[in-house]
Protein backbone atom coordinates (compact mmCIF):
# COMPACT_ATOMS: atom_id res chain seq x y z
CA UNK A 1 -64.13 84.34 45.16
CA UNK A 2 -62.16 84.77 42.20
CA UNK A 3 -59.56 82.36 42.99
CA UNK A 4 -62.20 79.55 43.89
CA UNK A 5 -63.87 80.46 40.66
CA UNK A 6 -60.18 80.23 39.02
CA UNK A 7 -59.82 77.02 40.89
CA UNK A 8 -62.82 75.44 39.70
CA UNK A 9 -61.94 76.37 36.04
CA UNK A 10 -58.16 75.19 36.88
CA UNK A 11 -59.56 71.79 37.84
CA UNK A 12 -61.35 71.38 34.77
CA UNK A 13 -58.53 72.40 32.52
CA UNK A 14 -56.11 69.57 34.77
CA UNK A 15 -58.88 66.58 34.15
CA UNK A 16 -57.43 67.02 30.46
CA UNK A 17 -54.12 67.11 31.12
CA UNK A 18 -51.70 63.66 33.61
CA UNK A 19 -49.25 66.03 35.59
CA UNK A 20 -46.93 64.15 37.62
CA UNK A 21 -46.86 66.94 39.72
CA UNK A 22 -50.45 66.54 40.36
CA UNK A 23 -50.27 62.80 41.12
CA UNK A 24 -51.32 61.35 44.76
CA UNK A 25 -51.30 57.99 45.93
CA UNK A 26 -54.20 56.26 48.23
CA UNK A 27 -53.66 52.97 49.23
CA UNK A 28 -56.59 52.63 52.23
CA UNK A 29 -59.42 54.04 50.14
CA UNK A 30 -62.44 52.32 51.06
CA UNK A 31 -64.98 50.93 48.44
CA UNK A 32 -67.66 49.39 50.65
CA UNK A 33 -70.95 50.30 48.21
CA UNK A 34 -71.63 50.69 44.61
CA UNK A 35 -71.42 54.26 45.03
CA UNK A 36 -68.36 55.92 46.80
CA UNK A 37 -67.38 58.95 48.03
CA UNK A 38 -64.25 60.37 45.90
CA UNK A 39 -61.51 62.57 47.58
CA UNK A 40 -62.13 65.79 48.47
CA UNK A 41 -58.62 67.09 45.98
CA UNK A 42 -59.77 64.89 42.92
CA UNK A 43 -59.49 66.20 39.98
CA UNK A 44 -59.34 62.39 37.73
CA UNK A 45 -58.26 58.83 38.24
CA UNK A 46 -55.48 57.16 36.95
CA UNK A 47 -55.14 53.77 38.49
CA UNK A 48 -58.15 52.24 40.99
CA UNK A 49 -56.56 48.45 42.38
CA UNK A 50 -57.99 46.40 44.82
CA UNK A 51 -55.79 45.08 47.08
CA UNK A 52 -56.77 41.52 47.05
CA UNK A 53 -54.65 38.52 46.37
CA UNK A 54 -53.61 38.63 43.97
CA UNK A 55 -54.12 42.79 43.58
CA UNK A 56 -56.69 43.09 40.70
CA UNK A 57 -56.71 46.64 38.70
CA UNK A 58 -60.01 47.49 37.96
CA UNK A 59 -60.58 48.76 33.75
CA UNK A 60 -62.27 52.27 33.83
CA UNK A 61 -65.62 53.13 31.70
CA UNK A 62 -67.21 55.63 30.77
CA UNK A 63 -70.54 56.56 32.67
CA UNK A 64 -73.09 56.06 29.35
CA UNK A 65 -70.99 52.49 29.03
CA UNK A 66 -72.74 51.53 32.47
CA UNK A 67 -75.95 50.71 30.82
CA UNK A 68 -73.80 48.12 28.57
CA UNK A 69 -73.54 46.70 31.71
CA UNK A 70 -76.60 46.59 33.31
CA UNK A 71 -76.28 42.50 34.14
CA UNK A 72 -72.98 43.59 36.46
CA UNK A 73 -74.76 46.52 37.79
CA UNK A 74 -77.61 43.96 39.43
CA UNK A 75 -75.08 40.99 40.34
CA UNK A 76 -73.18 41.62 43.60
CA UNK A 77 -69.29 40.04 43.39
CA UNK A 78 -65.81 41.57 42.96
CA UNK A 79 -65.90 44.84 40.74
CA UNK A 80 -64.39 44.40 37.51
CA UNK A 81 -65.38 47.95 36.15
CA UNK A 82 -65.11 51.72 37.66
CA UNK A 83 -66.32 55.27 36.11
CA UNK A 84 -67.01 58.39 38.08
CA UNK A 85 -70.41 59.99 38.13
CA UNK A 86 -70.03 63.38 40.00
CA UNK A 87 -68.36 63.51 42.78
CA UNK A 88 -68.40 59.58 43.38
CA UNK A 89 -67.10 56.68 42.29
CA UNK A 90 -69.15 53.97 41.02
CA UNK A 91 -67.99 50.61 40.79
CA UNK A 92 -69.19 47.33 39.04
CA UNK A 93 -70.47 44.65 39.64
CA UNK A 94 -71.47 46.21 43.26
CA UNK A 95 -69.05 44.86 46.06
CA UNK A 96 -69.93 41.79 48.30
CA UNK A 97 -67.50 42.71 50.70
CA UNK A 98 -66.02 45.95 52.21
CA UNK A 99 -62.22 46.25 49.77
CA UNK A 100 -59.16 48.09 49.98
CA UNK A 101 -58.06 49.73 47.22
CA UNK A 102 -55.07 51.98 45.82
CA UNK A 103 -56.14 54.54 44.03
CA UNK A 104 -54.04 57.24 42.42
CA UNK A 105 -55.35 60.44 41.14
CA UNK A 106 -54.58 63.69 40.17
CA UNK A 107 -55.21 66.73 42.60
CA UNK A 108 -55.49 70.59 42.87
CA UNK A 109 -55.95 70.97 46.41
CA UNK A 110 -57.93 74.29 47.11
CA UNK A 111 -55.96 77.25 48.69
CA UNK A 112 -58.30 77.68 51.19
CA UNK A 113 -57.70 74.43 52.97
CA UNK A 114 -54.27 73.69 51.69
CA UNK A 115 -52.93 76.91 51.82
CA UNK A 116 -50.78 76.18 48.85
CA UNK A 117 -50.66 73.46 46.58
CA UNK A 118 -48.18 72.53 43.55
CA UNK A 119 -49.38 74.45 41.06
CA UNK A 120 -48.88 77.40 42.99
CA UNK A 121 -45.79 76.66 43.94
CA UNK A 122 -44.81 75.64 40.83
CA UNK A 123 -46.50 78.08 38.55
CA UNK A 124 -47.83 81.03 40.50
CA UNK A 125 -48.25 82.83 37.22
CA UNK A 126 -51.42 80.29 36.13
CA UNK A 127 -52.84 80.93 39.36
CA UNK A 128 -52.54 85.29 38.22
CA UNK A 129 -53.84 84.86 35.20
CA UNK A 130 -56.83 82.43 35.78
CA UNK A 131 -57.92 84.64 38.68
CA UNK A 132 -57.16 87.61 36.28
CA UNK A 133 -59.83 85.77 34.03
CA UNK A 134 -62.40 85.44 36.18
CA UNK A 135 -61.92 89.16 37.87
CA UNK A 136 -62.03 90.40 34.47
CA UNK A 137 -65.30 88.17 33.43
CA UNK A 138 -67.12 89.73 36.97
CA UNK A 139 -66.46 93.21 35.72
CA UNK A 140 -67.38 92.90 31.98
CA UNK A 141 -64.18 93.46 30.43
CA UNK A 142 -64.74 90.90 27.85
CA UNK A 143 -60.88 92.66 26.08
CA UNK A 144 -59.18 92.21 28.99
CA UNK A 145 -60.96 88.94 29.76
CA UNK A 146 -59.85 87.52 26.31
CA UNK A 147 -56.53 88.65 26.33
CA UNK A 148 -55.68 86.99 29.72
CA UNK A 149 -57.52 84.00 28.76
CA UNK A 150 -55.33 83.58 25.89
CA UNK A 151 -52.24 84.05 28.03
CA UNK A 152 -53.88 81.15 30.81
CA UNK A 153 -54.27 78.79 27.99
CA UNK A 154 -50.89 79.54 26.20
CA UNK A 155 -49.54 78.98 29.70
CA UNK A 156 -51.68 75.63 30.33
CA UNK A 157 -50.17 74.36 27.03
CA UNK A 158 -47.07 75.25 28.15
CA UNK A 159 -47.26 73.12 31.38
CA UNK A 160 -48.75 69.99 29.69
CA UNK A 161 -46.25 70.37 27.01
CA UNK A 162 -43.20 70.67 29.93
CA UNK A 163 -44.71 67.27 31.51
CA UNK A 164 -45.12 65.50 28.37
CA UNK A 165 -40.98 66.08 27.59
CA UNK A 166 -40.63 65.10 30.90
CA UNK A 167 -42.20 61.76 30.87
CA UNK A 168 -40.69 61.11 27.44
CA UNK A 169 -37.15 61.92 28.67
CA UNK A 170 -37.71 59.37 31.85
CA UNK A 171 -38.82 56.57 29.55
CA UNK A 172 -35.27 56.28 27.48
CA UNK A 173 -32.90 53.33 28.57
CA UNK A 174 -29.58 52.65 28.04
CA UNK A 175 -28.46 49.64 26.44
CA UNK A 176 -25.58 48.22 29.01
CA UNK A 177 -25.36 44.89 27.17
CA UNK A 178 -22.02 46.04 25.70
CA UNK A 179 -23.13 46.39 21.99
CA UNK A 180 -22.85 49.20 19.96
CA UNK A 181 -25.76 51.13 19.32
């Protein structure tokens, strides 16, 4: 139970980070209505592209902005925007046909169904400390909970910084035009 509770808290923390190891691509995601079920392991969306000719990238809008696009929510057509509402992907405008899309999203599969996942494999202490925070909370040991929560937040910050450094390093390119630097 503590692991499940820890996973829920870690999913919320991960939704604010963009961890490359957590990225999943589903190139056969079906959009057949205005509200579509998200994958069970979904944490947050990176991109959503309709596989039409030419492919069309949908723009994200916040759920609160949907009201501003009310005129689009009533007219059926090719979707232009999407938002996340609960465990549903909402497209605006409602689709006029069934579309196949490629969704790139961040994930943290539950250990109960997967047996393991990228976070447990690469950063087992994060799982351990998150579970300990839940256990200390259950037993009312607020001093121990605060200590482990502080350690957990430090580890999550280090994970995020490591990811950002890796992304920055990957974007450097060497000039090969023969000019001197």
